[in-house]
Amino acid sequence: MVPLSVLDLVPVIEGSNAGEALQKSLDLARHAETLGFTRYWVAEHHNMAGIASAATAVVIGHLAGGTKTIRVGAGGIMLPNHAPLIIAEQFGTLESLFPGRIDLGLGRAPGTDQIAVRAMRRDPRASDEFPQDVQELQALFGPVRPNQRIQAVPGAGLRVPLWILGSSLFGAQLAALLGLPYAFASHFAPAALSDALPMYRKKFEASEQLERPYSMACVNVFAADTDAEAKRLFTSLQMAFTDLHRGTRGLQRPPIDDIDAYWTPAEKIQAGGMLTHSFVGSRDTVRAGIERFVDQTKVDELMIVTSMFDHAARKRSYAILAEIFPQKGQQS
């Protein structure tokens, strides 16, 4: 089985707050480390009441400081929101504090709405410069050249591993051209997955960071002792995606018994399409679904999202997954 990793959206649930969400994320990161998961990533989102990872580099420092061995990183930093120099300094600092444990995944979407883009004083057209910004970041992490006037301190010479994140052919082509690992956001945008991965592998050019293509897909997993319980837990995510279409984003809701009483048939189709690559059920159900997905996609690694309302059930889901697919780094 391929290595497993965690993507944590640091969900803020109804009746709670961002501080509690961040503490639960640290608890989950420690749990994932014990289970032997390879890496633990958090993502940059803004202007979303239900996600507490907007200051992504700060959250990574919180998680890395509370763990010992698991790789911690961004899945991802939305590079058009930032100057490459600032990101090089932030992640150079993280790499200096936690050497050999920091990943930097890069996306070209803003991770928010246009109102927040304006509030961040960013040009909406900044995403057009994404390829150049990635290369600038690579250069800032490289060795200092003679007469180089701008340096990332810390950052220069640290070669923090970069990943390209995406949900389209654009990201696949860029990752291939630059010889970088590629992570596909199939947990919410599955449409181009079957085209993007073969394109990435076909066009991949070896680089100093990576000799051969390395792909990762992100999927939703809700594992429980029974199919019925897992499906009930999954309704929290189904409601969140329904709310997204309604334009009523908020805190994560507790699960309900009948999701069909919440969404309309049209909303069911919309949310269901976005959640195509979700594996929900008991051990046998989840095992069969994930094995089929890996066989079809030939990905090198899976990143697991389990955005459950109940923290204990969320930890239990990851434990069940590690029981199904034991990880090399698992602690006894």
C-alpha atoms as a PDB file:
ATOM      1  CA  MET A   1       0.000   0.000   0.000  1.00  0.00           C
ATOM      2  CA  VAL A   2       1.127   3.554  -0.706  1.00  0.00           C
ATOM      3  CA  PRO A   3       2.112   5.885   2.162  1.00  0.00           C
ATOM      4  CA  LEU A   4      -0.681   7.785   3.857  1.00  0.00           C
ATOM      5  CA  SER A   5      -0.657  11.410   4.990  1.00  0.00           C
ATOM      6  CA  VAL A   6      -3.105  13.865   6.548  1.00  0.00           C
ATOM      7  CA  LEU A   7      -4.619  17.105   5.289  1.00  0.00           C
ATOM      8  CA  ASP A   8      -6.182  19.020   8.174  1.00  0.00           C
ATOM      9  CA  LEU A   9      -8.478  21.949   7.393  1.00  0.00           C
ATOM     10  CA  VAL A  10      -8.465  22.847  11.111  1.00  0.00           C
ATOM     11  CA  PRO A  11     -12.270  22.897  11.249  1.00  0.00           C
ATOM     12  CA  VAL A  12     -14.030  25.151  13.723  1.00  0.00           C
ATOM     13  CA  ILE A  13     -17.176  23.359  14.855  1.00  0.00           C
ATOM     14  CA  GLU A  14     -20.430  24.792  16.143  1.00  0.00           C
ATOM     15  CA  GLY A  15     -20.138  25.584  19.845  1.00  0.00           C
ATOM     16  CA  SER A  16     -16.356  25.914  19.692  1.00  0.00           C
ATOM     17  CA  ASN A  17     -13.721  28.446  18.565  1.00  0.00           C
ATOM     18  CA  ALA A  18     -10.464  28.724  16.641  1.00  0.00           C
ATOM     19  CA  GLY A  19      -8.304  28.170  19.721  1.00  0.00           C
ATOM     20  CA  GLU A  20      -9.949  24.849  20.452  1.00  0.00           C
ATOM     21  CA  ALA A  21      -9.703  23.880  16.774  1.00  0.00           C
ATOM     22  CA  LEU A  22      -5.950  24.511  16.776  1.00  0.00           C
ATOM     23  CA  GLN A  23      -5.449  22.458  19.932  1.00  0.00           C
ATOM     24  CA  LYS A  24      -7.441  19.593  18.431  1.00  0.00           C
ATOM     25  CA  SER A  25      -5.247  19.777  15.343  1.00  0.00           C
ATOM     26  CA  LEU A  26      -2.128  19.382  17.452  1.00  0.00           C
ATOM     27  CA  ASP A  27      -3.709  16.409  19.195  1.00  0.00           C
ATOM     28  CA  LEU A  28      -4.561  14.897  15.829  1.00  0.00           C
ATOM     29  CA  ALA A  29      -1.037  15.529  14.507  1.00  0.00           C
ATOM     30  CA  ARG A  30       0.435  13.675  17.472  1.00  0.00           C
ATOM     31  CA  HIS A  31      -2.054  10.868  16.869  1.00  0.00           C
ATOM     32  CA  ALA A  32      -1.107  10.679  13.188  1.00  0.00           C
ATOM     33  CA  GLU A  33       2.571  10.591  14.119  1.00  0.00           C
ATOM     34  CA  THR A  34       1.966   7.629  16.427  1.00  0.00           C
ATOM     35  CA  LEU A  35       0.039   5.868  13.667  1.00  0.00           C
ATOM     36  CA  GLY A  36       2.963   6.296  11.275  1.00  0.00           C
ATOM     37  CA  PHE A  37       1.472   8.727   8.772  1.00  0.00           C
ATOM     38  CA  THR A  38       4.103  10.330   6.534  1.00  0.00           C
ATOM     39  CA  ARG A  39       3.162  14.022   6.606  1.00  0.00           C
ATOM     40  CA  TYR A  40       0.623  16.394   8.123  1.00  0.00           C
ATOM     41  CA  TRP A  41      -0.415  19.385   6.050  1.00  0.00           C
ATOM     42  CA  VAL A  42      -2.648  22.397   6.668  1.00  0.00           C
ATOM     43  CA  ALA A  43      -4.082  24.722   4.040  1.00  0.00           C
ATOM     44  CA  GLU A  44      -4.365  28.463   3.579  1.00  0.00           C
ATOM     45  CA  HIS A  45      -7.954  29.715   3.532  1.00  0.00           C
ATOM     46  CA  HIS A  46      -9.204  33.217   4.306  1.00  0.00           C
ATOM     47  CA  ASN A  47     -12.515  34.736   5.325  1.00  0.00           C
ATOM     48  CA  MET A  48     -13.959  31.354   6.304  1.00  0.00           C
ATOM     49  CA  ALA A  49     -15.402  31.111   9.784  1.00  0.00           C
ATOM     50  CA  GLY A  50     -15.150  27.320   9.805  1.00  0.00           C
ATOM     51  CA  ILE A  51     -11.424  27.056   8.981  1.00  0.00           C
ATOM     52  CA  ALA A  52      -8.725  28.211  11.425  1.00  0.00           C
ATOM     53  CA  SER A  53      -5.566  27.811   9.305  1.00  0.00           C
ATOM     54  CA  ALA A  54      -5.397  31.227   7.619  1.00  0.00           C
ATOM     55  CA  ALA A  55      -1.987  32.007   9.178  1.00  0.00           C
ATOM     56  CA  THR A  56      -0.639  28.800   7.723  1.00  0.00           C
ATOM     57  CA  ALA A  57       3.049  29.161   8.586  1.00  0.00           C
ATOM     58  CA  VAL A  58       2.151  29.971  12.191  1.00  0.00           C
ATOM     59  CA  VAL A  59      -0.052  26.871  12.413  1.00  0.00           C
ATOM     60  CA  ILE A  60       2.735  24.727  10.952  1.00  0.00           C
ATOM     61  CA  GLY A  61       5.100  25.983  13.640  1.00  0.00           C
ATOM     62  CA  HIS A  62       2.510  25.115  16.289  1.00  0.00           C
ATOM     63  CA  LEU A  63       2.147  21.576  14.915  1.00  0.00           C
ATOM     64  CA  ALA A  64       5.826  20.927  14.252  1.00  0.00           C
ATOM     65  CA  GLY A  65       6.746  22.175  17.717  1.00  0.00           C
ATOM     66  CA  GLY A  66       4.335  19.711  19.290  1.00  0.00           C
ATOM     67  CA  THR A  67       5.461  16.667  17.308  1.00  0.00           C
ATOM     68  CA  LYS A  68       8.792  14.940  16.795  1.00  0.00           C
ATOM     69  CA  THR A  69       9.106  13.006  13.560  1.00  0.00           C
ATOM     70  CA  ILE A  70       6.161  13.518  11.208  1.00  0.00           C
ATOM     71  CA  ARG A  71       6.713  15.885   8.286  1.00  0.00           C
ATOM     72  CA  VAL A  72       4.609  19.037   8.615  1.00  0.00           C
ATOM     73  CA  GLY A  73       3.776  21.455   5.872  1.00  0.00           C
ATOM     74  CA  ALA A  74       1.420  23.487   3.742  1.00  0.00           C
ATOM     75  CA  GLY A  75      -1.123  21.959   1.462  1.00  0.00           C
ATOM     76  CA  GLY A  76      -0.907  24.626   0.547  1.00  0.00           C
ATOM     77  CA  ILE A  77       0.308  28.156   0.535  1.00  0.00           C
ATOM     78  CA  MET A  78      -1.629  30.157  -2.056  1.00  0.00           C
ATOM     79  CA  LEU A  79       1.386  31.829  -3.591  1.00  0.00           C
ATOM     80  CA  PRO A  80      -0.446  34.649  -5.446  1.00  0.00           C
ATOM     81  CA  ASN A  81      -1.382  36.008  -2.000  1.00  0.00           C
ATOM     82  CA  HIS A  82       2.266  36.535  -1.037  1.00  0.00           C
ATOM     83  CA  ALA A  83       5.623  37.796  -2.196  1.00  0.00           C
ATOM     84  CA  PRO A  84       7.925  34.790  -2.753  1.00  0.00           C
ATOM     85  CA  LEU A  85      10.564  36.380  -0.516  1.00  0.00           C
ATOM     86  CA  ILE A  86       8.167  36.419   2.445  1.00  0.00           C
ATOM     87  CA  ILE A  87       7.277  32.748   1.953  1.00  0.00           C
ATOM     88  CA  ALA A  88      10.959  31.838   1.606  1.00  0.00           C
ATOM     89  CA  GLU A  89      11.694  33.598   4.899  1.00  0.00           C
ATOM     90  CA  GLN A  90       8.737  31.992   6.678  1.00  0.00           C
ATOM     91  CA  PHE A  91       9.487  28.473   5.532  1.00  0.00           C
ATOM     92  CA  GLY A  92      13.213  28.982   5.834  1.00  0.00           C
ATOM     93  CA  THR A  93      12.561  29.822   9.469  1.00  0.00           C
ATOM     94  CA  LEU A  94      10.417  26.705   9.896  1.00  0.00           C
ATOM     95  CA  GLU A  95      13.065  24.535   8.254  1.00  0.00           C
ATOM     96  CA  SER A  96      15.729  26.056  10.509  1.00  0.00           C
ATOM     97  CA  LEU A  97      13.638  25.262  13.581  1.00  0.00           C
ATOM     98  CA  PHE A  98      12.550  21.791  12.427  1.00  0.00           C
ATOM     99  CA  PRO A  99      15.216  20.593   9.964  1.00  0.00           C
ATOM    100  CA  GLY A 100      14.198  17.886   7.535  1.00  0.00           C
ATOM    101  CA  ARG A 101      10.524  18.000   8.489  1.00  0.00           C
ATOM    102  CA  ILE A 102       8.999  20.881   6.502  1.00  0.00           C
ATOM    103  CA  ASP A 103       7.083  20.643   3.198  1.00  0.00           C
ATOM    104  CA  LEU A 104       5.862  23.552   1.099  1.00  0.00           C
ATOM    105  CA  GLY A 105       2.942  22.863  -1.215  1.00  0.00           C
ATOM    106  CA  LEU A 106       2.036  25.731  -3.538  1.00  0.00           C
ATOM    107  CA  GLY A 107      -1.288  26.612  -5.122  1.00  0.00           C
ATOM    108  CA  ARG A 108      -2.283  29.377  -7.506  1.00  0.00           C
ATOM    109  CA  ALA A 109      -5.866  29.927  -6.300  1.00  0.00           C
ATOM    110  CA  PRO A 110      -6.460  32.642  -3.699  1.00  0.00           C
ATOM    111  CA  GLY A 111      -8.039  30.275  -1.185  1.00  0.00           C
ATOM    112  CA  THR A 112     -10.829  32.766  -0.601  1.00  0.00           C
ATOM    113  CA  ASP A 113     -13.344  35.051  -2.282  1.00  0.00           C
ATOM    114  CA  GLN A 114     -12.628  38.214  -4.250  1.00  0.00           C
ATOM    115  CA  ILE A 115     -13.589  40.470  -1.342  1.00  0.00           C
ATOM    116  CA  ALA A 116     -10.824  38.901   0.764  1.00  0.00           C
ATOM    117  CA  VAL A 117      -8.384  39.136  -2.143  1.00  0.00           C
ATOM    118  CA  ARG A 118      -8.932  42.882  -2.190  1.00  0.00           C
ATOM    119  CA  ALA A 119      -8.622  43.017   1.597  1.00  0.00           C
ATOM    120  CA  MET A 120      -5.206  41.344   1.294  1.00  0.00           C
ATOM    121  CA  ARG A 121      -4.208  44.122  -1.139  1.00  0.00           C
ATOM    122  CA  ARG A 122      -3.496  41.555  -3.838  1.00  0.00           C
ATOM    123  CA  ASP A 123      -4.042  41.954  -7.560  1.00  0.00           C
ATOM    124  CA  PRO A 124      -6.601  39.371  -8.781  1.00  0.00           C
ATOM    125  CA  ARG A 125      -4.323  38.832 -11.779  1.00  0.00           C
ATOM    126  CA  ALA A 126      -1.430  37.727  -9.552  1.00  0.00           C
ATOM    127  CA  SER A 127      -2.206  34.086 -10.302  1.00  0.00           C
ATOM    128  CA  ASP A 128      -0.979  34.691 -13.856  1.00  0.00           C
ATOM    129  CA  GLU A 129       2.526  35.044 -12.417  1.00  0.00           C
ATOM    130  CA  PHE A 130       2.371  31.749 -10.523  1.00  0.00           C
ATOM    131  CA  PRO A 131       5.006  29.873 -12.622  1.00  0.00           C
ATOM    132  CA  GLN A 132       7.484  32.736 -12.301  1.00  0.00           C
ATOM    133  CA  ASP A 133       6.783  33.060  -8.575  1.00  0.00           C
ATOM    134  CA  VAL A 134       7.467  29.351  -8.046  1.00  0.00           C
ATOM    135  CA  GLN A 135      10.796  29.667  -9.840  1.00  0.00           C
ATOM    136  CA  GLU A 136      11.663  32.751  -7.823  1.00  0.00           C
ATOM    137  CA  LEU A 137      10.941  30.791  -4.666  1.00  0.00           C
ATOM    138  CA  GLN A 138      13.147  27.944  -5.864  1.00  0.00           C
ATOM    139  CA  ALA A 139      15.969  30.394  -6.424  1.00  0.00           C
ATOM    140  CA  LEU A 140      15.549  31.905  -2.960  1.00  0.00           C
ATOM    141  CA  PHE A 141      15.875  28.458  -1.386  1.00  0.00           C
ATOM    142  CA  GLY A 142      18.950  27.679  -3.482  1.00  0.00           C
ATOM    143  CA  PRO A 143      22.562  28.534  -2.644  1.00  0.00           C
ATOM    144  CA  VAL A 144      23.494  32.205  -2.586  1.00  0.00           C
ATOM    145  CA  ARG A 145      25.091  33.290  -5.836  1.00  0.00           C
ATOM    146  CA  PRO A 146      27.939  35.781  -6.176  1.00  0.00           C
ATOM    147  CA  ASN A 147      26.700  39.368  -5.902  1.00  0.00           C
ATOM    148  CA  GLN A 148      23.156  38.238  -5.107  1.00  0.00           C
ATOM    149  CA  ARG A 149      21.500  41.312  -3.599  1.00  0.00           C
ATOM    150  CA  ILE A 150      18.265  39.734  -2.282  1.00  0.00           C
ATOM    151  CA  GLN A 151      18.510  36.771   0.083  1.00  0.00           C
ATOM    152  CA  ALA A 152      15.993  34.896   2.199  1.00  0.00           C
ATOM    153  CA  VAL A 153      17.428  34.853   5.725  1.00  0.00           C
ATOM    154  CA  PRO A 154      16.792  32.193   6.862  1.00  0.00           C
ATOM    155  CA  GLY A 155      15.928  30.291   3.708  1.00  0.00           C
ATOM    156  CA  ALA A 156      18.873  30.534   1.321  1.00  0.00           C
ATOM    157  CA  GLY A 157      20.527  27.158   0.761  1.00  0.00           C
ATOM    158  CA  LEU A 158      17.923  25.213   2.742  1.00  0.00           C
ATOM    159  CA  ARG A 159      16.170  23.678  -0.273  1.00  0.00           C
ATOM    160  CA  VAL A 160      12.788  23.251   1.391  1.00  0.00           C
ATOM    161  CA  PRO A 161      10.923  20.620  -0.676  1.00  0.00           C
ATOM    162  CA  LEU A 162       8.367  22.243  -2.963  1.00  0.00           C
ATOM    163  CA  TRP A 163       5.166  20.637  -4.243  1.00  0.00           C
ATOM    164  CA  ILE A 164       2.766  21.890  -6.885  1.00  0.00           C
ATOM    165  CA  LEU A 165      -0.866  21.567  -5.873  1.00  0.00           C
ATOM    166  CA  GLY A 166      -3.663  21.589  -8.381  1.00  0.00           C
ATOM    167  CA  SER A 167      -6.983  20.385  -9.687  1.00  0.00           C
ATOM    168  CA  SER A 168      -6.431  21.009 -13.389  1.00  0.00           C
ATOM    169  CA  LEU A 169      -4.050  20.263 -16.232  1.00  0.00           C
ATOM    170  CA  PHE A 170      -2.225  23.550 -15.601  1.00  0.00           C
ATOM    171  CA  GLY A 171      -0.764  22.376 -12.297  1.00  0.00           C
ATOM    172  CA  ALA A 172       0.131  18.991 -13.741  1.00  0.00           C
ATOM    173  CA  GLN A 173       2.032  20.580 -16.620  1.00  0.00           C
ATOM    174  CA  LEU A 174       3.866  23.017 -14.369  1.00  0.00           C
ATOM    175  CA  ALA A 175       4.895  20.326 -11.896  1.00  0.00           C
ATOM    176  CA  ALA A 176       6.154  18.187 -14.764  1.00  0.00           C
ATOM    177  CA  LEU A 177       8.082  21.050 -16.362  1.00  0.00           C
ATOM    178  CA  LEU A 178       9.785  22.023 -13.093  1.00  0.00           C
ATOM    179  CA  GLY A 179      10.401  18.442 -11.994  1.00  0.00           C
ATOM    180  CA  LEU A 180       8.405  18.801  -8.767  1.00  0.00           C
ATOM    181  CA  PRO A 181       6.058  16.418  -6.959  1.00  0.00           C
ATOM    182  CA  TYR A 182       2.397  16.947  -7.748  1.00  0.00           C
ATOM    183  CA  ALA A 183      -0.587  16.770  -5.381  1.00  0.00           C
ATOM    184  CA  PHE A 184      -4.094  16.692  -6.830  1.00  0.00           C
ATOM    185  CA  ALA A 185      -7.063  18.104  -4.904  1.00  0.00           C
ATOM    186  CA  SER A 186      -9.437  15.255  -5.712  1.00  0.00           C
ATOM    187  CA  HIS A 187     -11.128  15.589  -2.322  1.00  0.00           C
ATOM    188  CA  PHE A 188     -13.239  18.453  -3.681  1.00  0.00           C
ATOM    189  CA  ALA A 189     -12.366  18.918  -7.383  1.00  0.00           C
ATOM    190  CA  PRO A 190     -12.134  15.458  -8.970  1.00  0.00           C
ATOM    191  CA  ALA A 191     -13.051  16.223 -12.574  1.00  0.00           C
ATOM    192  CA  ALA A 192      -9.571  16.432 -14.149  1.00  0.00           C
ATOM    193  CA  LEU A 193      -7.842  13.752 -12.056  1.00  0.00           C
ATOM    194  CA  SER A 194      -7.851  11.034 -14.716  1.00  0.00           C
ATOM    195  CA  ASP A 195      -6.280  13.399 -17.273  1.00  0.00           C
ATOM    196  CA  ALA A 196      -3.907  15.321 -15.025  1.00  0.00           C
ATOM    197  CA  LEU A 197      -1.944  12.413 -13.556  1.00  0.00           C
ATOM    198  CA  PRO A 198      -1.026  10.751 -16.891  1.00  0.00           C
ATOM    199  CA  MET A 199      -0.065  14.143 -18.325  1.00  0.00           C
ATOM    200  CA  TYR A 200       2.165  14.851 -15.339  1.00  0.00           C
ATOM    201  CA  ARG A 201       3.941  11.510 -15.694  1.00  0.00           C
ATOM    202  CA  LYS A 202       4.309  11.767 -19.459  1.00  0.00           C
ATOM    203  CA  LYS A 203       5.776  15.279 -19.452  1.00  0.00           C
ATOM    204  CA  PHE A 204       7.864  15.032 -16.291  1.00  0.00           C
ATOM    205  CA  GLU A 205      11.432  16.347 -16.535  1.00  0.00           C
ATOM    206  CA  ALA A 206      13.915  15.298 -13.865  1.00  0.00           C
ATOM    207  CA  SER A 207      15.194  18.043 -11.594  1.00  0.00           C
ATOM    208  CA  GLU A 208      17.641  18.502  -8.764  1.00  0.00           C
ATOM    209  CA  GLN A 209      14.796  17.930  -6.292  1.00  0.00           C
ATOM    210  CA  LEU A 210      13.185  14.917  -7.995  1.00  0.00           C
ATOM    211  CA  GLU A 211      14.485  12.281 -10.397  1.00  0.00           C
ATOM    212  CA  ARG A 212      11.158  10.697 -11.329  1.00  0.00           C
ATOM    213  CA  PRO A 213       7.517  11.767 -11.087  1.00  0.00           C
ATOM    214  CA  TYR A 214       5.841  11.538  -7.700  1.00  0.00           C
ATOM    215  CA  SER A 215       2.118  12.061  -7.426  1.00  0.00           C
ATOM    216  CA  MET A 216      -0.238  12.330  -4.496  1.00  0.00           C
ATOM    217  CA  ALA A 217      -4.035  12.493  -4.480  1.00  0.00           C
ATOM    218  CA  CYS A 218      -6.148  13.901  -1.683  1.00  0.00           C
ATOM    219  CA  VAL A 219      -9.334  12.014  -0.786  1.00  0.00           C
ATOM    220  CA  ASN A 220     -11.972  12.109   1.933  1.00  0.00           C
ATOM    221  CA  VAL A 221     -12.097   9.141   4.292  1.00  0.00           C
ATOM    222  CA  PHE A 222     -14.756   8.628   6.968  1.00  0.00           C
ATOM    223  CA  ALA A 223     -14.141   5.267   8.611  1.00  0.00           C
ATOM    224  CA  ALA A 224     -16.154   3.848  11.498  1.00  0.00           C
ATOM    225  CA  ASP A 225     -17.103   0.469  12.901  1.00  0.00           C
ATOM    226  CA  THR A 226     -20.189   0.281  10.681  1.00  0.00           C
ATOM    227  CA  ASP A 227     -21.213   1.681   7.314  1.00  0.00           C
ATOM    228  CA  ALA A 228     -24.246   3.335   8.905  1.00  0.00           C
ATOM    229  CA  GLU A 229     -22.206   5.230  11.497  1.00  0.00           C
ATOM    230  CA  ALA A 230     -19.653   6.372   8.920  1.00  0.00           C
ATOM    231  CA  LYS A 231     -22.409   7.624   6.619  1.00  0.00           C
ATOM    232  CA  ARG A 232     -23.953   9.562   9.482  1.00  0.00           C
ATOM    233  CA  LEU A 233     -20.612  11.189  10.347  1.00  0.00           C
ATOM    234  CA  PHE A 234     -20.160  12.071   6.681  1.00  0.00           C
ATOM    235  CA  THR A 235     -23.290  14.231   6.682  1.00  0.00           C
ATOM    236  CA  SER A 236     -21.308  17.055   8.317  1.00  0.00           C
ATOM    237  CA  LEU A 237     -19.153  17.325   5.198  1.00  0.00           C
ATOM    238  CA  GLN A 238     -22.126  16.897   2.882  1.00  0.00           C
ATOM    239  CA  MET A 239     -23.863  19.799   4.612  1.00  0.00           C
ATOM    240  CA  ALA A 240     -20.703  21.919   4.361  1.00  0.00           C
ATOM    241  CA  PHE A 241     -20.547  21.438   0.593  1.00  0.00           C
ATOM    242  CA  THR A 242     -24.257  22.132   0.296  1.00  0.00           C
ATOM    243  CA  ASP A 243     -23.780  25.348   2.264  1.00  0.00           C
ATOM    244  CA  LEU A 244     -20.908  26.271  -0.047  1.00  0.00           C
ATOM    245  CA  HIS A 245     -23.285  26.177  -3.015  1.00  0.00           C
ATOM    246  CA  ARG A 246     -25.840  28.187  -1.063  1.00  0.00           C
ATOM    247  CA  GLY A 247     -23.256  30.838  -0.200  1.00  0.00           C
ATOM    248  CA  THR A 248     -23.856  30.305   3.517  1.00  0.00           C
ATOM    249  CA  ARG A 249     -20.485  29.111   4.787  1.00  0.00           C
ATOM    250  CA  GLY A 250     -20.186  28.863   8.536  1.00  0.00           C
ATOM    251  CA  LEU A 251     -19.013  26.638  11.365  1.00  0.00           C
ATOM    252  CA  GLN A 252     -18.993  22.874  10.911  1.00  0.00           C
ATOM    253  CA  ARG A 253     -22.333  21.330  11.759  1.00  0.00           C
ATOM    254  CA  PRO A 254     -22.965  18.172  13.809  1.00  0.00           C
ATOM    255  CA  PRO A 255     -24.031  15.112  11.797  1.00  0.00           C
ATOM    256  CA  ILE A 256     -27.693  14.430  11.084  1.00  0.00           C
ATOM    257  CA  ASP A 257     -29.670  11.249  10.525  1.00  0.00           C
ATOM    258  CA  ASP A 258     -31.179  12.111   7.145  1.00  0.00           C
ATOM    259  CA  ILE A 259     -29.096  14.148   4.714  1.00  0.00           C
ATOM    260  CA  ASP A 260     -31.876  14.063   2.111  1.00  0.00           C
ATOM    261  CA  ALA A 261     -33.934  16.235   4.434  1.00  0.00           C
ATOM    262  CA  TYR A 262     -31.189  18.884   4.250  1.00  0.00           C
ATOM    263  CA  TRP A 263     -30.339  19.214   0.573  1.00  0.00           C
ATOM    264  CA  THR A 264     -32.393  19.446  -2.599  1.00  0.00           C
ATOM    265  CA  PRO A 265     -31.959  16.905  -5.422  1.00  0.00           C
ATOM    266  CA  ALA A 266     -29.949  19.497  -7.382  1.00  0.00           C
ATOM    267  CA  GLU A 267     -27.716  20.234  -4.387  1.00  0.00           C
ATOM    268  CA  LYS A 268     -27.211  16.511  -3.880  1.00  0.00           C
ATOM    269  CA  ILE A 269     -25.903  16.219  -7.429  1.00  0.00           C
ATOM    270  CA  GLN A 270     -23.627  19.245  -7.051  1.00  0.00           C
ATOM    271  CA  ALA A 271     -22.162  18.251  -3.684  1.00  0.00           C
ATOM    272  CA  GLY A 272     -22.004  14.586  -4.639  1.00  0.00           C
ATOM    273  CA  GLY A 273     -19.965  15.407  -7.721  1.00  0.00           C
ATOM    274  CA  MET A 274     -17.411  17.344  -5.686  1.00  0.00           C
ATOM    275  CA  LEU A 275     -17.227  14.501  -3.149  1.00  0.00           C
ATOM    276  CA  THR A 276     -16.794  11.730  -5.724  1.00  0.00           C
ATOM    277  CA  HIS A 277     -13.545  10.493  -4.199  1.00  0.00           C
ATOM    278  CA  SER A 278     -14.851   9.935  -0.685  1.00  0.00           C
ATOM    279  CA  PHE A 279     -14.527   6.580   1.030  1.00  0.00           C
ATOM    280  CA  VAL A 280     -17.140   6.218   3.722  1.00  0.00           C
ATOM    281  CA  GLY A 281     -17.881   3.113   5.727  1.00  0.00           C
ATOM    282  CA  SER A 282     -16.564   0.222   7.763  1.00  0.00           C
ATOM    283  CA  ARG A 283     -13.118  -1.304   7.394  1.00  0.00           C
ATOM    284  CA  ASP A 284     -14.071  -3.552   4.498  1.00  0.00           C
ATOM    285  CA  THR A 285     -15.891  -0.790   2.638  1.00  0.00           C
ATOM    286  CA  VAL A 286     -13.071   1.708   3.023  1.00  0.00           C
ATOM    287  CA  ARG A 287     -10.392  -0.852   2.170  1.00  0.00           C
ATOM    288  CA  ALA A 288     -12.109  -1.853  -1.053  1.00  0.00           C
ATOM    289  CA  GLY A 289     -12.682   1.736  -2.134  1.00  0.00           C
ATOM    290  CA  ILE A 290      -9.146   2.923  -1.465  1.00  0.00           C
ATOM    291  CA  GLU A 291      -7.534  -0.128  -3.051  1.00  0.00           C
ATOM    292  CA  ARG A 292      -9.622   0.423  -6.172  1.00  0.00           C
ATOM    293  CA  PHE A 293      -8.718   4.123  -6.270  1.00  0.00           C
ATOM    294  CA  VAL A 294      -4.982   3.478  -5.931  1.00  0.00           C
ATOM    295  CA  ASP A 295      -5.120   0.761  -8.587  1.00  0.00           C
ATOM    296  CA  GLN A 296      -6.896   3.098 -11.001  1.00  0.00           C
ATOM    297  CA  THR A 297      -4.793   6.207 -10.411  1.00  0.00           C
ATOM    298  CA  LYS A 298      -1.390   4.647  -9.640  1.00  0.00           C
ATOM    299  CA  VAL A 299      -0.670   7.469  -7.189  1.00  0.00           C
ATOM    300  CA  ASP A 300       2.478   7.251  -5.079  1.00  0.00           C
ATOM    301  CA  GLU A 301       0.849   8.595  -1.913  1.00  0.00           C
ATOM    302  CA  LEU A 302      -2.596   9.344  -0.517  1.00  0.00           C
ATOM    303  CA  MET A 303      -3.431  12.385   1.569  1.00  0.00           C
ATOM    304  CA  ILE A 304      -6.466  11.832   3.762  1.00  0.00           C
ATOM    305  CA  VAL A 305      -9.024  14.465   4.769  1.00  0.00           C
ATOM    306  CA  THR A 306     -11.420  13.542   7.581  1.00  0.00           C
ATOM    307  CA  SER A 307     -13.366  16.669   8.463  1.00  0.00           C
ATOM    308  CA  MET A 308     -15.585  15.216  11.170  1.00  0.00           C
ATOM    309  CA  PHE A 309     -17.524  17.136  13.774  1.00  0.00           C
ATOM    310  CA  ASP A 310     -16.595  14.787  16.615  1.00  0.00           C
ATOM    311  CA  HIS A 311     -12.880  14.848  17.449  1.00  0.00           C
ATOM    312  CA  ALA A 312     -12.811  11.372  19.007  1.00  0.00           C
ATOM    313  CA  ALA A 313     -14.560   9.884  15.985  1.00  0.00           C
ATOM    314  CA  ARG A 314     -12.085  11.675  13.715  1.00  0.00           C
ATOM    315  CA  LYS A 315      -9.125  10.184  15.558  1.00  0.00           C
ATOM    316  CA  ARG A 316     -10.829   6.813  15.459  1.00  0.00           C
ATOM    317  CA  SER A 317     -11.238   7.076  11.685  1.00  0.00           C
ATOM    318  CA  TYR A 318      -7.502   7.606  11.200  1.00  0.00           C
ATOM    319  CA  ALA A 319      -6.755   4.735  13.577  1.00  0.00           C
ATOM    320  CA  ILE A 320      -9.027   2.419  11.595  1.00  0.00           C
ATOM    321  CA  LEU A 321      -7.305   3.490   8.385  1.00  0.00           C
ATOM    322  CA  ALA A 322      -3.906   2.688   9.904  1.00  0.00           C
ATOM    323  CA  GLU A 323      -5.238  -0.711  10.963  1.00  0.00           C
ATOM    324  CA  ILE A 324      -6.371  -1.423   7.408  1.00  0.00           C
ATOM    325  CA  PHE A 325      -3.145  -0.137   5.846  1.00  0.00           C
ATOM    326  CA  PRO A 326      -0.349  -0.307   8.483  1.00  0.00           C
ATOM    327  CA  GLN A 327       2.263   2.423   8.024  1.00  0.00           C
ATOM    328  CA  LYS A 328       6.016   1.856   8.249  1.00  0.00           C
ATOM    329  CA  GLY A 329       6.506   4.597  10.818  1.00  0.00           C
ATOM    330  CA  GLN A 330       3.796   3.279  13.130  1.00  0.00           C
ATOM    331  CA  GLN A 331       4.804   3.262  16.783  1.00  0.00           C
ATOM    332  CA  SER A 332       4.075   0.240  18.923  1.00  0.00           C
END
